[in-house]
Amino acid sequence: MRLALVFSSICGVIFAQGTEVSLQAGRVTSGAAQPRTNSKSAKPEFAISVPTLGYLLDATGLSLTPIRGLASAPSLGEPINKPNGTGQIFLPPRQHYALAELPGTGGIAVWHLARRHIADARDIVDPISGFNGKADVIAFSPTGRSAAIYSTSEQRIKVVAGLPGNPSVLARIAQSSSGEPTNIFISDDGRLVLTTNTNGQVSLSVDGAPLHTLAWTYSPMTLSFVSNTHNLLVSDDRQKQLLLIQNVEAPNAPPLLPGSNIQPDHLAVCNDGGTIAALDAKNQKLWVMDAKSLAVTAVPVTQQADELMILRDGHTLLLSASPLFVMKLADSAASAGMTTAGLNVR
């Protein structure tokens, strides 16, 4: 499998309002049906949808800015205000939805982005049944199908599965006595929850069971589950290597070594789990790995890269928000290699 990579920066063009650009010759009115007209001068109504690559979360947390068009020629849309009355917004990988804090006694709701639910020109959010309390840390699975939400006041991790269309609280996991979690990682099926804590320990919960500390010799810089599996990527600071642990819940699971001298501080897994991107933001090094063969390819970084986020199509990655920088991984046997294009616009 060859990887064709297309790099591009976002040109600062304000392109569209909302999630759709509408070219209307007539007026669309909700509610009662409008009378038909036989006038030959009446013009048909039509709309042209512009693809949305993903979203940028405003620094104030008040809005999302869509990234429009194609990865080879993207542009910025008009900001979309967050739903009225909601608090902090959390964006998962693929960004088909967001989670929004609810006011009052607390809670979390799904803000649908792939197909927005709107009434009276306002977004409607769907509260997650059975969830209340404050969300201090939210971690998403590689495809965003599950989330682990930690509340400091409750000292508990709640696992939400079935996102975004059919969310439910799958498990409630008490905080480990060994320390408060600093980072949380969750598998796509929601069955595995892994935490790192303030004492430098790594703990694992399987199917909602209490967290137990793993007897690891690793010192992870960052971790990520692989899409739709229980395989875990570990960037190990002690061994200066990227490791792949298959079925991490199995006893004495042996690690695989994708490559030497690879020490990323950011990891992202494409939607199908077949391709993995690894970024060393400190040293500006980027690699792409085939999850099956474990073949690793170094990729030139053409502009500052400081993050790694999978966007909506599952193969386009956001590498920087300022200046904007995206990369697309296209898996195709017909690909002739790597092509690059882009504008360095700030």
C-alpha atoms as a PDB file:
ATOM      1  CA  MET A   1       0.000   0.000   0.000  1.00  0.00           C
ATOM      2  CA  ARG A   2       1.435   3.339  -0.931  1.00  0.00           C
ATOM      3  CA  LEU A   3       0.597   6.461   0.879  1.00  0.00           C
ATOM      4  CA  ALA A   4      -0.129   9.598  -1.068  1.00  0.00           C
ATOM      5  CA  LEU A   5       0.048  12.621   1.198  1.00  0.00           C
ATOM      6  CA  VAL A   6      -1.347  15.972   0.339  1.00  0.00           C
ATOM      7  CA  PHE A   7      -0.339  18.898   2.507  1.00  0.00           C
ATOM      8  CA  SER A   8      -2.040  22.259   2.481  1.00  0.00           C
ATOM      9  CA  SER A   9      -2.342  25.372   4.586  1.00  0.00           C
ATOM     10  CA  ILE A  10      -5.618  27.120   4.997  1.00  0.00           C
ATOM     11  CA  CYS A  11      -5.949  30.407   3.162  1.00  0.00           C
ATOM     12  CA  GLY A  12      -7.764  32.952   5.284  1.00  0.00           C
ATOM     13  CA  VAL A  13     -10.887  33.276   3.181  1.00  0.00           C
ATOM     14  CA  ILE A  14     -14.305  33.634   4.748  1.00  0.00           C
ATOM     15  CA  PHE A  15     -16.324  31.271   2.634  1.00  0.00           C
ATOM     16  CA  ALA A  16     -19.718  30.312   3.990  1.00  0.00           C
ATOM     17  CA  GLN A  17     -22.198  30.735   6.798  1.00  0.00           C
ATOM     18  CA  GLY A  18     -23.404  27.848   8.969  1.00  0.00           C
ATOM     19  CA  THR A  19     -22.798  24.346   7.736  1.00  0.00           C
ATOM     20  CA  GLU A  20     -24.162  24.822   4.260  1.00  0.00           C
ATOM     21  CA  VAL A  21     -23.953  27.387   1.479  1.00  0.00           C
ATOM     22  CA  SER A  22     -27.422  27.985   0.033  1.00  0.00           C
ATOM     23  CA  LEU A  23     -28.031  29.545  -3.354  1.00  0.00           C
ATOM     24  CA  GLN A  24     -31.710  30.323  -3.217  1.00  0.00           C
ATOM     25  CA  ALA A  25     -33.894  31.691  -5.944  1.00  0.00           C
ATOM     26  CA  GLY A  26     -37.019  31.361  -3.799  1.00  0.00           C
ATOM     27  CA  ARG A  27     -37.716  31.514  -0.088  1.00  0.00           C
ATOM     28  CA  VAL A  28     -37.823  28.395   2.068  1.00  0.00           C
ATOM     29  CA  THR A  29     -40.422  28.717   4.821  1.00  0.00           C
ATOM     30  CA  SER A  30     -40.976  26.232   7.632  1.00  0.00           C
ATOM     31  CA  GLY A  31     -44.393  25.431   9.020  1.00  0.00           C
ATOM     32  CA  ALA A  32     -47.564  25.414   6.903  1.00  0.00           C
ATOM     33  CA  ALA A  33     -47.287  24.388   3.265  1.00  0.00           C
ATOM     34  CA  GLN A  34     -47.151  27.280   0.856  1.00  0.00           C
ATOM     35  CA  PRO A  35     -49.624  27.555  -2.030  1.00  0.00           C
ATOM     36  CA  ARG A  36     -48.444  26.297  -5.374  1.00  0.00           C
ATOM     37  CA  THR A  37     -47.866  28.753  -8.161  1.00  0.00           C
ATOM     38  CA  ASN A  38     -48.139  28.194 -11.869  1.00  0.00           C
ATOM     39  CA  SER A  39     -46.147  31.300 -12.674  1.00  0.00           C
ATOM     40  CA  LYS A  40     -43.533  30.576 -15.297  1.00  0.00           C
ATOM     41  CA  SER A  41     -41.335  33.161 -13.629  1.00  0.00           C
ATOM     42  CA  ALA A  42     -41.109  31.160 -10.386  1.00  0.00           C
ATOM     43  CA  LYS A  43     -37.572  29.881  -9.869  1.00  0.00           C
ATOM     44  CA  PRO A  44     -36.710  26.543  -8.272  1.00  0.00           C
ATOM     45  CA  GLU A  45     -35.085  26.379  -4.856  1.00  0.00           C
ATOM     46  CA  PHE A  46     -31.785  24.615  -4.604  1.00  0.00           C
ATOM     47  CA  ALA A  47     -28.771  24.379  -2.327  1.00  0.00           C
ATOM     48  CA  ILE A  48     -25.141  23.479  -2.884  1.00  0.00           C
ATOM     49  CA  SER A  49     -23.472  21.778   0.061  1.00  0.00           C
ATOM     50  CA  VAL A  50     -19.824  22.592   0.649  1.00  0.00           C
ATOM     51  CA  PRO A  51     -17.799  19.772   2.244  1.00  0.00           C
ATOM     52  CA  THR A  52     -16.661  20.431   5.793  1.00  0.00           C
ATOM     53  CA  LEU A  53     -13.249  18.998   6.664  1.00  0.00           C
ATOM     54  CA  GLY A  54     -13.562  19.754  10.353  1.00  0.00           C
ATOM     55  CA  TYR A  55     -13.750  22.501  12.941  1.00  0.00           C
ATOM     56  CA  LEU A  56     -11.536  24.760  14.998  1.00  0.00           C
ATOM     57  CA  LEU A  57     -12.591  25.488  18.553  1.00  0.00           C
ATOM     58  CA  ASP A  58     -12.393  29.185  19.388  1.00  0.00           C
ATOM     59  CA  ALA A  59      -9.951  30.020  22.183  1.00  0.00           C
ATOM     60  CA  THR A  60     -12.819  31.547  24.189  1.00  0.00           C
ATOM     61  CA  GLY A  61     -14.900  28.384  23.768  1.00  0.00           C
ATOM     62  CA  LEU A  62     -17.808  30.389  22.352  1.00  0.00           C
ATOM     63  CA  SER A  63     -17.833  29.121  18.769  1.00  0.00           C
ATOM     64  CA  LEU A  64     -16.542  26.681  16.174  1.00  0.00           C
ATOM     65  CA  THR A  65     -15.007  27.738  12.868  1.00  0.00           C
ATOM     66  CA  PRO A  66     -15.577  25.267  10.010  1.00  0.00           C
ATOM     67  CA  ILE A  67     -12.736  24.226   7.729  1.00  0.00           C
ATOM     68  CA  ARG A  68     -14.377  24.053   4.297  1.00  0.00           C
ATOM     69  CA  GLY A  69     -13.688  22.520   0.910  1.00  0.00           C
ATOM     70  CA  LEU A  70     -11.093  19.865   0.094  1.00  0.00           C
ATOM     71  CA  ALA A  71      -7.801  19.137   1.796  1.00  0.00           C
ATOM     72  CA  SER A  72      -6.027  20.366  -1.348  1.00  0.00           C
ATOM     73  CA  ALA A  73      -7.889  23.694  -1.345  1.00  0.00           C
ATOM     74  CA  PRO A  74      -9.501  24.436   2.010  1.00  0.00           C
ATOM     75  CA  SER A  75     -10.935  27.688   3.327  1.00  0.00           C
ATOM     76  CA  LEU A  76     -12.498  28.990   6.507  1.00  0.00           C
ATOM     77  CA  GLY A  77     -16.224  29.352   7.070  1.00  0.00           C
ATOM     78  CA  GLU A  78     -18.112  31.750   9.306  1.00  0.00           C
ATOM     79  CA  PRO A  79     -17.974  30.860  13.027  1.00  0.00           C
ATOM     80  CA  ILE A  80     -20.869  28.817  14.406  1.00  0.00           C
ATOM     81  CA  ASN A  81     -21.932  29.944  17.863  1.00  0.00           C
ATOM     82  CA  LYS A  82     -22.256  27.222  20.463  1.00  0.00           C
ATOM     83  CA  PRO A  83     -25.803  26.347  21.555  1.00  0.00           C
ATOM     84  CA  ASN A  84     -27.375  28.828  23.962  1.00  0.00           C
ATOM     85  CA  GLY A  85     -26.898  28.038  27.627  1.00  0.00           C
ATOM     86  CA  THR A  86     -24.105  25.512  27.159  1.00  0.00           C
ATOM     87  CA  GLY A  87     -20.699  25.709  28.783  1.00  0.00           C
ATOM     88  CA  GLN A  88     -17.410  24.238  27.663  1.00  0.00           C
ATOM     89  CA  ILE A  89     -17.296  22.448  24.303  1.00  0.00           C
ATOM     90  CA  PHE A  90     -15.257  19.257  23.702  1.00  0.00           C
ATOM     91  CA  LEU A  91     -14.381  18.097  20.170  1.00  0.00           C
ATOM     92  CA  PRO A  92     -13.736  14.390  19.511  1.00  0.00           C
ATOM     93  CA  PRO A  93     -11.744  12.854  16.654  1.00  0.00           C
ATOM     94  CA  ARG A  94     -13.662  13.032  13.362  1.00  0.00           C
ATOM     95  CA  GLN A  95     -15.749  15.901  14.770  1.00  0.00           C
ATOM     96  CA  HIS A  96     -19.162  14.620  13.655  1.00  0.00           C
ATOM     97  CA  TYR A  97     -20.422  15.927  16.962  1.00  0.00           C
ATOM     98  CA  ALA A  98     -19.227  17.769  20.052  1.00  0.00           C
ATOM     99  CA  LEU A  99     -19.992  17.355  23.721  1.00  0.00           C
ATOM    100  CA  ALA A 100     -21.313  20.419  25.533  1.00  0.00           C
ATOM    101  CA  GLU A 101     -21.579  21.116  29.245  1.00  0.00           C
ATOM    102  CA  LEU A 102     -25.065  21.845  30.520  1.00  0.00           C
ATOM    103  CA  PRO A 103     -25.819  24.543  33.121  1.00  0.00           C
ATOM    104  CA  GLY A 104     -27.440  24.143  36.527  1.00  0.00           C
ATOM    105  CA  THR A 105     -26.831  20.807  38.191  1.00  0.00           C
ATOM    106  CA  GLY A 106     -24.544  19.824  35.380  1.00  0.00           C
ATOM    107  CA  GLY A 107     -24.582  17.186  32.704  1.00  0.00           C
ATOM    108  CA  ILE A 108     -23.347  16.614  29.187  1.00  0.00           C
ATOM    109  CA  ALA A 109     -25.206  16.881  25.888  1.00  0.00           C
ATOM    110  CA  VAL A 110     -24.439  15.902  22.309  1.00  0.00           C
ATOM    111  CA  TRP A 111     -24.201  18.815  19.886  1.00  0.00           C
ATOM    112  CA  HIS A 112     -24.740  17.283  16.456  1.00  0.00           C
ATOM    113  CA  LEU A 113     -22.444  18.716  13.785  1.00  0.00           C
ATOM    114  CA  ALA A 114     -22.712  16.258  10.899  1.00  0.00           C
ATOM    115  CA  ARG A 115     -26.469  16.893  10.653  1.00  0.00           C
ATOM    116  CA  ARG A 116     -27.383  19.811  12.860  1.00  0.00           C
ATOM    117  CA  HIS A 117     -30.671  19.766  14.775  1.00  0.00           C
ATOM    118  CA  ILE A 118     -32.067  23.298  14.532  1.00  0.00           C
ATOM    119  CA  ALA A 119     -35.338  24.859  15.703  1.00  0.00           C
ATOM    120  CA  ASP A 120     -36.128  28.576  15.618  1.00  0.00           C
ATOM    121  CA  ALA A 121     -32.642  29.166  14.196  1.00  0.00           C
ATOM    122  CA  ARG A 122     -31.078  27.592  17.301  1.00  0.00           C
ATOM    123  CA  ASP A 123     -29.132  24.373  17.709  1.00  0.00           C
ATOM    124  CA  ILE A 124     -30.841  21.662  19.735  1.00  0.00           C
ATOM    125  CA  VAL A 125     -28.596  19.510  21.920  1.00  0.00           C
ATOM    126  CA  ASP A 126     -29.442  16.029  23.210  1.00  0.00           C
ATOM    127  CA  PRO A 127     -28.611  15.483  26.912  1.00  0.00           C
ATOM    128  CA  ILE A 128     -27.001  12.146  27.718  1.00  0.00           C
ATOM    129  CA  SER A 129     -29.429  10.246  29.923  1.00  0.00           C
ATOM    130  CA  GLY A 130     -28.071   9.122  33.267  1.00  0.00           C
ATOM    131  CA  PHE A 131     -25.171  11.569  33.269  1.00  0.00           C
ATOM    132  CA  ASN A 132     -24.893  14.455  35.687  1.00  0.00           C
ATOM    133  CA  GLY A 133     -22.114  16.320  37.410  1.00  0.00           C
ATOM    134  CA  LYS A 134     -19.188  18.337  36.098  1.00  0.00           C
ATOM    135  CA  ALA A 135     -16.802  17.126  33.423  1.00  0.00           C
ATOM    136  CA  ASP A 136     -13.240  18.019  34.427  1.00  0.00           C
ATOM    137  CA  VAL A 137     -11.474  15.756  31.913  1.00  0.00           C
ATOM    138  CA  ILE A 138     -12.971  14.246  28.746  1.00  0.00           C
ATOM    139  CA  ALA A 139     -11.123  11.677  26.644  1.00  0.00           C
ATOM    140  CA  PHE A 140     -12.427  10.237  23.377  1.00  0.00           C
ATOM    141  CA  SER A 141     -11.764   6.918  21.682  1.00  0.00           C
ATOM    142  CA  PRO A 142      -9.904   6.967  18.320  1.00  0.00           C
ATOM    143  CA  THR A 143     -13.090   7.260  16.225  1.00  0.00           C
ATOM    144  CA  GLY A 144     -15.086   9.198  18.835  1.00  0.00           C
ATOM    145  CA  ARG A 145     -17.628   6.411  19.400  1.00  0.00           C
ATOM    146  CA  SER A 146     -16.913   6.327  23.142  1.00  0.00           C
ATOM    147  CA  ALA A 147     -15.813   8.844  25.747  1.00  0.00           C
ATOM    148  CA  ALA A 148     -14.414   8.681  29.276  1.00  0.00           C
ATOM    149  CA  ILE A 149     -15.480  11.620  31.458  1.00  0.00           C
ATOM    150  CA  TYR A 150     -13.786  12.286  34.800  1.00  0.00           C
ATOM    151  CA  SER A 151     -15.315  14.358  37.604  1.00  0.00           C
ATOM    152  CA  THR A 152     -12.968  15.566  40.326  1.00  0.00           C
ATOM    153  CA  SER A 153     -15.796  16.141  42.793  1.00  0.00           C
ATOM    154  CA  GLU A 154     -17.123  12.600  42.327  1.00  0.00           C
ATOM    155  CA  GLN A 155     -13.659  11.047  41.835  1.00  0.00           C
ATOM    156  CA  ARG A 156     -15.174   8.807  39.207  1.00  0.00           C
ATOM    157  CA  ILE A 157     -14.759   8.107  35.492  1.00  0.00           C
ATOM    158  CA  LYS A 158     -17.984   7.633  33.562  1.00  0.00           C
ATOM    159  CA  VAL A 159     -17.804   5.715  30.294  1.00  0.00           C
ATOM    160  CA  VAL A 160     -20.234   6.837  27.594  1.00  0.00           C
ATOM    161  CA  ALA A 161     -20.652   4.546  24.567  1.00  0.00           C
ATOM    162  CA  GLY A 162     -22.829   4.708  21.451  1.00  0.00           C
ATOM    163  CA  LEU A 163     -21.843   8.250  20.488  1.00  0.00           C
ATOM    164  CA  PRO A 164     -23.196  10.298  18.920  1.00  0.00           C
ATOM    165  CA  GLY A 165     -26.587   8.857  17.961  1.00  0.00           C
ATOM    166  CA  ASN A 166     -27.362   6.484  20.833  1.00  0.00           C
ATOM    167  CA  PRO A 167     -25.276   7.489  23.851  1.00  0.00           C
ATOM    168  CA  SER A 168     -25.553   5.708  27.188  1.00  0.00           C
ATOM    169  CA  VAL A 169     -23.491   5.468  30.371  1.00  0.00           C
ATOM    170  CA  LEU A 170     -21.749   2.109  30.074  1.00  0.00           C
ATOM    171  CA  ALA A 171     -19.748   2.118  33.316  1.00  0.00           C
ATOM    172  CA  ARG A 172     -18.779   4.173  36.363  1.00  0.00           C
ATOM    173  CA  ILE A 173     -15.203   3.606  37.490  1.00  0.00           C
ATOM    174  CA  ALA A 174     -13.936   4.843  40.848  1.00  0.00           C
ATOM    175  CA  GLN A 175     -10.679   6.770  40.910  1.00  0.00           C
ATOM    176  CA  SER A 176      -7.650   4.661  41.751  1.00  0.00           C
ATOM    177  CA  SER A 177      -6.249   5.096  45.268  1.00  0.00           C
ATOM    178  CA  SER A 178      -2.778   5.475  43.741  1.00  0.00           C
ATOM    179  CA  GLY A 179      -3.457   9.002  42.489  1.00  0.00           C
ATOM    180  CA  GLU A 180      -5.694  11.334  40.506  1.00  0.00           C
ATOM    181  CA  PRO A 181      -5.701  10.713  36.731  1.00  0.00           C
ATOM    182  CA  THR A 182      -3.789  13.192  34.598  1.00  0.00           C
ATOM    183  CA  ASN A 183      -4.634  11.575  31.253  1.00  0.00           C
ATOM    184  CA  ILE A 184      -7.315   9.104  30.187  1.00  0.00           C
ATOM    185  CA  PHE A 185      -7.439   6.822  27.137  1.00  0.00           C
ATOM    186  CA  ILE A 186     -10.396   4.693  26.001  1.00  0.00           C
ATOM    187  CA  SER A 187     -10.966   2.013  23.360  1.00  0.00           C
ATOM    188  CA  ASP A 188     -13.672   2.429  20.704  1.00  0.00           C
ATOM    189  CA  ASP A 189     -15.953  -0.187  22.270  1.00  0.00           C
ATOM    190  CA  GLY A 190     -15.631   1.503  25.666  1.00  0.00           C
ATOM    191  CA  ARG A 191     -14.496  -1.708  27.346  1.00  0.00           C
ATOM    192  CA  LEU A 192     -10.950  -0.571  28.159  1.00  0.00           C
ATOM    193  CA  VAL A 193     -10.081   2.609  30.070  1.00  0.00           C
ATOM    194  CA  LEU A 194      -6.448   3.392  30.756  1.00  0.00           C
ATOM    195  CA  THR A 195      -5.160   6.235  32.929  1.00  0.00           C
ATOM    196  CA  THR A 196      -1.862   7.834  33.833  1.00  0.00           C
ATOM    197  CA  ASN A 197      -1.816   9.495  37.232  1.00  0.00           C
ATOM    198  CA  THR A 198       0.016  12.121  39.253  1.00  0.00           C
ATOM    199  CA  ASN A 199       2.350   9.451  40.664  1.00  0.00           C
ATOM    200  CA  GLY A 200       3.517   8.387  37.197  1.00  0.00           C
ATOM    201  CA  GLN A 201       1.632   5.088  37.312  1.00  0.00           C
ATOM    202  CA  VAL A 202      -0.484   3.572  34.532  1.00  0.00           C
ATOM    203  CA  SER A 203      -3.761   1.853  35.451  1.00  0.00           C
ATOM    204  CA  LEU A 204      -6.284  -0.142  33.444  1.00  0.00           C
ATOM    205  CA  SER A 205      -9.984  -0.898  33.839  1.00  0.00           C
ATOM    206  CA  VAL A 206     -11.652  -3.693  31.844  1.00  0.00           C
ATOM    207  CA  ASP A 207     -15.447  -3.735  31.411  1.00  0.00           C
ATOM    208  CA  GLY A 208     -16.007  -1.214  34.201  1.00  0.00           C
ATOM    209  CA  ALA A 209     -13.945  -3.060  36.815  1.00  0.00           C
ATOM    210  CA  PRO A 210     -11.855  -1.010  39.277  1.00  0.00           C
ATOM    211  CA  LEU A 211      -8.630   0.431  37.941  1.00  0.00           C
ATOM    212  CA  HIS A 212      -5.573  -1.710  38.642  1.00  0.00           C
ATOM    213  CA  THR A 213      -1.989  -0.552  38.289  1.00  0.00           C
ATOM    214  CA  LEU A 214      -0.005  -2.121  35.455  1.00  0.00           C
ATOM    215  CA  ALA A 215       3.460  -3.493  36.220  1.00  0.00           C
ATOM    216  CA  TRP A 216       5.026  -1.540  33.403  1.00  0.00           C
ATOM    217  CA  THR A 217       8.652  -0.675  32.809  1.00  0.00           C
ATOM    218  CA  TYR A 218       7.559   1.912  30.238  1.00  0.00           C
ATOM    219  CA  SER A 219       7.579   5.653  30.805  1.00  0.00           C
ATOM    220  CA  PRO A 220       4.918   6.825  28.340  1.00  0.00           C
ATOM    221  CA  MET A 221       5.067  10.283  26.787  1.00  0.00           C
ATOM    222  CA  THR A 222       1.742   9.676  25.083  1.00  0.00           C
ATOM    223  CA  LEU A 223      -0.570   6.763  24.321  1.00  0.00           C
ATOM    224  CA  SER A 224      -3.381   5.911  21.929  1.00  0.00           C
ATOM    225  CA  PHE A 225      -5.615   2.952  21.276  1.00  0.00           C
ATOM    226  CA  VAL A 226      -5.795   1.798  17.660  1.00  0.00           C
ATOM    227  CA  SER A 227      -9.231   2.195  16.059  1.00  0.00           C
ATOM    228  CA  ASN A 228     -11.668  -0.679  16.693  1.00  0.00           C
ATOM    229  CA  THR A 229      -9.101  -2.748  18.621  1.00  0.00           C
ATOM    230  CA  HIS A 230      -7.637  -3.217  22.084  1.00  0.00           C
ATOM    231  CA  ASN A 231      -4.142  -2.594  20.688  1.00  0.00           C
ATOM    232  CA  LEU A 232      -2.285   0.262  22.352  1.00  0.00           C
ATOM    233  CA  LEU A 233       0.416   2.569  20.989  1.00  0.00           C
ATOM    234  CA  VAL A 234       2.967   3.732  23.551  1.00  0.00           C
ATOM    235  CA  SER A 235       5.597   6.395  22.958  1.00  0.00           C
ATOM    236  CA  ASP A 236       8.122   5.366  25.566  1.00  0.00           C
ATOM    237  CA  ASP A 237      10.422   8.059  26.917  1.00  0.00           C
ATOM    238  CA  ARG A 238      12.693   5.591  28.693  1.00  0.00           C
ATOM    239  CA  GLN A 239      13.412   3.398  25.664  1.00  0.00           C
ATOM    240  CA  LYS A 240      13.096   6.262  23.142  1.00  0.00           C
ATOM    241  CA  GLN A 241      10.808   4.120  20.990  1.00  0.00           C
ATOM    242  CA  LEU A 242       7.263   3.789  19.733  1.00  0.00           C
ATOM    243  CA  LEU A 243       5.738   0.481  20.858  1.00  0.00           C
ATOM    244  CA  LEU A 244       2.578  -1.349  19.816  1.00  0.00           C
ATOM    245  CA  ILE A 245       1.060  -3.580  22.501  1.00  0.00           C
ATOM    246  CA  GLN A 246      -1.522  -5.985  21.118  1.00  0.00           C
ATOM    247  CA  ASN A 247      -4.572  -6.643  23.329  1.00  0.00           C
ATOM    248  CA  VAL A 248      -3.201  -4.649  26.235  1.00  0.00           C
ATOM    249  CA  GLU A 249      -5.593  -6.309  28.710  1.00  0.00           C
ATOM    250  CA  ALA A 250      -3.983  -9.727  28.069  1.00  0.00           C
ATOM    251  CA  PRO A 251      -1.328 -10.807  30.603  1.00  0.00           C
ATOM    252  CA  ASN A 252       2.270 -10.256  29.533  1.00  0.00           C
ATOM    253  CA  ALA A 253       1.252  -8.861  26.165  1.00  0.00           C
ATOM    254  CA  PRO A 254       4.501  -8.613  24.155  1.00  0.00           C
ATOM    255  CA  PRO A 255       5.188  -5.271  22.430  1.00  0.00           C
ATOM    256  CA  LEU A 256       5.991  -4.845  18.757  1.00  0.00           C
ATOM    257  CA  LEU A 257       8.522  -2.276  17.603  1.00  0.00           C
ATOM    258  CA  PRO A 258       7.356  -0.259  14.571  1.00  0.00           C
ATOM    259  CA  GLY A 259      10.692   1.522  14.258  1.00  0.00           C
ATOM    260  CA  SER A 260      13.741   2.790  16.090  1.00  0.00           C
ATOM    261  CA  ASN A 261      14.491   6.394  17.034  1.00  0.00           C
ATOM    262  CA  ILE A 262      10.794   7.306  16.892  1.00  0.00           C
ATOM    263  CA  GLN A 263       9.659   9.235  19.934  1.00  0.00           C
ATOM    264  CA  PRO A 264       6.443  11.150  19.156  1.00  0.00           C
ATOM    265  CA  ASP A 265       4.575  13.323  21.635  1.00  0.00           C
ATOM    266  CA  HIS A 266       1.369  13.238  19.525  1.00  0.00           C
ATOM    267  CA  LEU A 267      -0.412  10.231  17.995  1.00  0.00           C
ATOM    268  CA  ALA A 268      -3.430   9.973  15.701  1.00  0.00           C
ATOM    269  CA  VAL A 269      -5.034   6.902  14.168  1.00  0.00           C
ATOM    270  CA  CYS A 270      -7.010   6.991  10.927  1.00  0.00           C
ATOM    271  CA  ASN A 271     -10.614   5.866  11.032  1.00  0.00           C
ATOM    272  CA  ASP A 272     -10.009   2.328   9.756  1.00  0.00           C
ATOM    273  CA  GLY A 273      -6.982   1.866  12.004  1.00  0.00           C
ATOM    274  CA  GLY A 274      -4.769   1.017   9.045  1.00  0.00           C
ATOM    275  CA  THR A 275      -2.636   4.150   9.159  1.00  0.00           C
ATOM    276  CA  ILE A 276      -1.076   5.901  12.129  1.00  0.00           C
ATOM    277  CA  ALA A 277       0.464   9.364  12.234  1.00  0.00           C
ATOM    278  CA  ALA A 278       3.102  10.221  14.846  1.00  0.00           C
ATOM    279  CA  LEU A 279       4.412  13.728  15.502  1.00  0.00           C
ATOM    280  CA  ASP A 280       7.418  14.862  17.491  1.00  0.00           C
ATOM    281  CA  ALA A 281       6.390  18.509  17.880  1.00  0.00           C
ATOM    282  CA  LYS A 282       9.492  19.426  19.864  1.00  0.00           C
ATOM    283  CA  ASN A 283      11.863  18.393  17.080  1.00  0.00           C
ATOM    284  CA  GLN A 284       9.384  18.894  14.203  1.00  0.00           C
ATOM    285  CA  LYS A 285       9.497  15.307  12.985  1.00  0.00           C
ATOM    286  CA  LEU A 286       6.534  13.481  11.467  1.00  0.00           C
ATOM    287  CA  TRP A 287       6.068   9.810  10.617  1.00  0.00           C
ATOM    288  CA  VAL A 288       3.341   7.718   9.024  1.00  0.00           C
ATOM    289  CA  MET A 289       3.065   4.039   9.908  1.00  0.00           C
ATOM    290  CA  ASP A 290       1.201   1.145   8.319  1.00  0.00           C
ATOM    291  CA  ALA A 291      -0.498  -0.632  11.225  1.00  0.00           C
ATOM    292  CA  LYS A 292      -0.258  -4.081   9.591  1.00  0.00           C
ATOM    293  CA  SER A 293       3.272  -4.139   8.216  1.00  0.00           C
ATOM    294  CA  LEU A 294       4.580  -1.653  10.818  1.00  0.00           C
ATOM    295  CA  ALA A 295       6.501   0.048   8.009  1.00  0.00           C
ATOM    296  CA  VAL A 296       7.342   3.620   8.971  1.00  0.00           C
ATOM    297  CA  THR A 297       7.813   6.517   6.557  1.00  0.00           C
ATOM    298  CA  ALA A 298       9.286   9.888   7.554  1.00  0.00           C
ATOM    299  CA  VAL A 299       7.307  12.838   6.204  1.00  0.00           C
ATOM    300  CA  PRO A 300       8.798  16.317   5.697  1.00  0.00           C
ATOM    301  CA  VAL A 301       7.178  19.003   7.852  1.00  0.00           C
ATOM    302  CA  THR A 302       6.749  22.062   5.643  1.00  0.00           C
ATOM    303  CA  GLN A 303       5.469  24.400   8.359  1.00  0.00           C
ATOM    304  CA  GLN A 304       5.147  24.510  12.127  1.00  0.00           C
ATOM    305  CA  ALA A 305       3.230  21.489  13.486  1.00  0.00           C
ATOM    306  CA  ASP A 306       2.122  21.399  17.105  1.00  0.00           C
ATOM    307  CA  GLU A 307      -0.947  19.135  17.246  1.00  0.00           C
ATOM    308  CA  LEU A 308      -2.444  16.070  15.609  1.00  0.00           C
ATOM    309  CA  MET A 309      -6.221  15.763  15.219  1.00  0.00           C
ATOM    310  CA  ILE A 310      -8.187  13.476  12.910  1.00  0.00           C
ATOM    311  CA  LEU A 311     -10.791  15.463  10.982  1.00  0.00           C
ATOM    312  CA  ARG A 312     -14.176  14.370   9.667  1.00  0.00           C
ATOM    313  CA  ASP A 313     -13.207  12.061   6.801  1.00  0.00           C
ATOM    314  CA  GLY A 314     -11.004   9.973   9.082  1.00  0.00           C
ATOM    315  CA  HIS A 315      -7.895  10.512   6.944  1.00  0.00           C
ATOM    316  CA  THR A 316      -7.277  14.259   7.085  1.00  0.00           C
ATOM    317  CA  LEU A 317      -5.200  15.527   9.975  1.00  0.00           C
ATOM    318  CA  LEU A 318      -4.936  18.952  11.550  1.00  0.00           C
ATOM    319  CA  LEU A 319      -1.297  19.672  12.407  1.00  0.00           C
ATOM    320  CA  SER A 320      -1.566  23.303  13.447  1.00  0.00           C
ATOM    321  CA  ALA A 321      -4.330  25.804  14.107  1.00  0.00           C
ATOM    322  CA  SER A 322      -2.139  28.904  13.915  1.00  0.00           C
ATOM    323  CA  PRO A 323      -1.076  29.022  11.158  1.00  0.00           C
ATOM    324  CA  LEU A 324      -3.516  26.411   9.919  1.00  0.00           C
ATOM    325  CA  PHE A 325      -1.898  23.311   8.496  1.00  0.00           C
ATOM    326  CA  VAL A 326      -3.617  20.108   7.350  1.00  0.00           C
ATOM    327  CA  MET A 327      -2.382  16.837   5.905  1.00  0.00           C
ATOM    328  CA  LYS A 328      -4.348  14.181   4.054  1.00  0.00           C
ATOM    329  CA  LEU A 329      -3.384  10.524   3.951  1.00  0.00           C
ATOM    330  CA  ALA A 330      -4.821   8.783   0.890  1.00  0.00           C
ATOM    331  CA  ASP A 331      -4.388   4.999   0.840  1.00  0.00           C
ATOM    332  CA  SER A 332      -4.404   3.932  -2.782  1.00  0.00           C
ATOM    333  CA  ALA A 333      -2.561   1.277  -4.736  1.00  0.00           C
ATOM    334  CA  ALA A 334      -2.686   3.603  -7.730  1.00  0.00           C
ATOM    335  CA  SER A 335      -0.916   6.418  -5.887  1.00  0.00           C
ATOM    336  CA  ALA A 336       2.362   7.400  -7.471  1.00  0.00           C
ATOM    337  CA  GLY A 337       3.983   8.558  -4.250  1.00  0.00           C
ATOM    338  CA  MET A 338       3.901  11.766  -2.275  1.00  0.00           C
ATOM    339  CA  THR A 339       2.714  15.084  -3.634  1.00  0.00           C
ATOM    340  CA  THR A 340       2.684  18.319  -1.674  1.00  0.00           C
ATOM    341  CA  ALA A 341       0.965  21.640  -2.131  1.00  0.00           C
ATOM    342  CA  GLY A 342       0.187  24.535   0.123  1.00  0.00           C
ATOM    343  CA  LEU A 343       0.349  28.177   1.058  1.00  0.00           C
ATOM    344  CA  ASN A 344       2.145  29.505   4.104  1.00  0.00           C
ATOM    345  CA  VAL A 345      -0.507  32.044   5.057  1.00  0.00           C
ATOM    346  CA  ARG A 346      -0.729  33.294   8.642  1.00  0.00           C
END
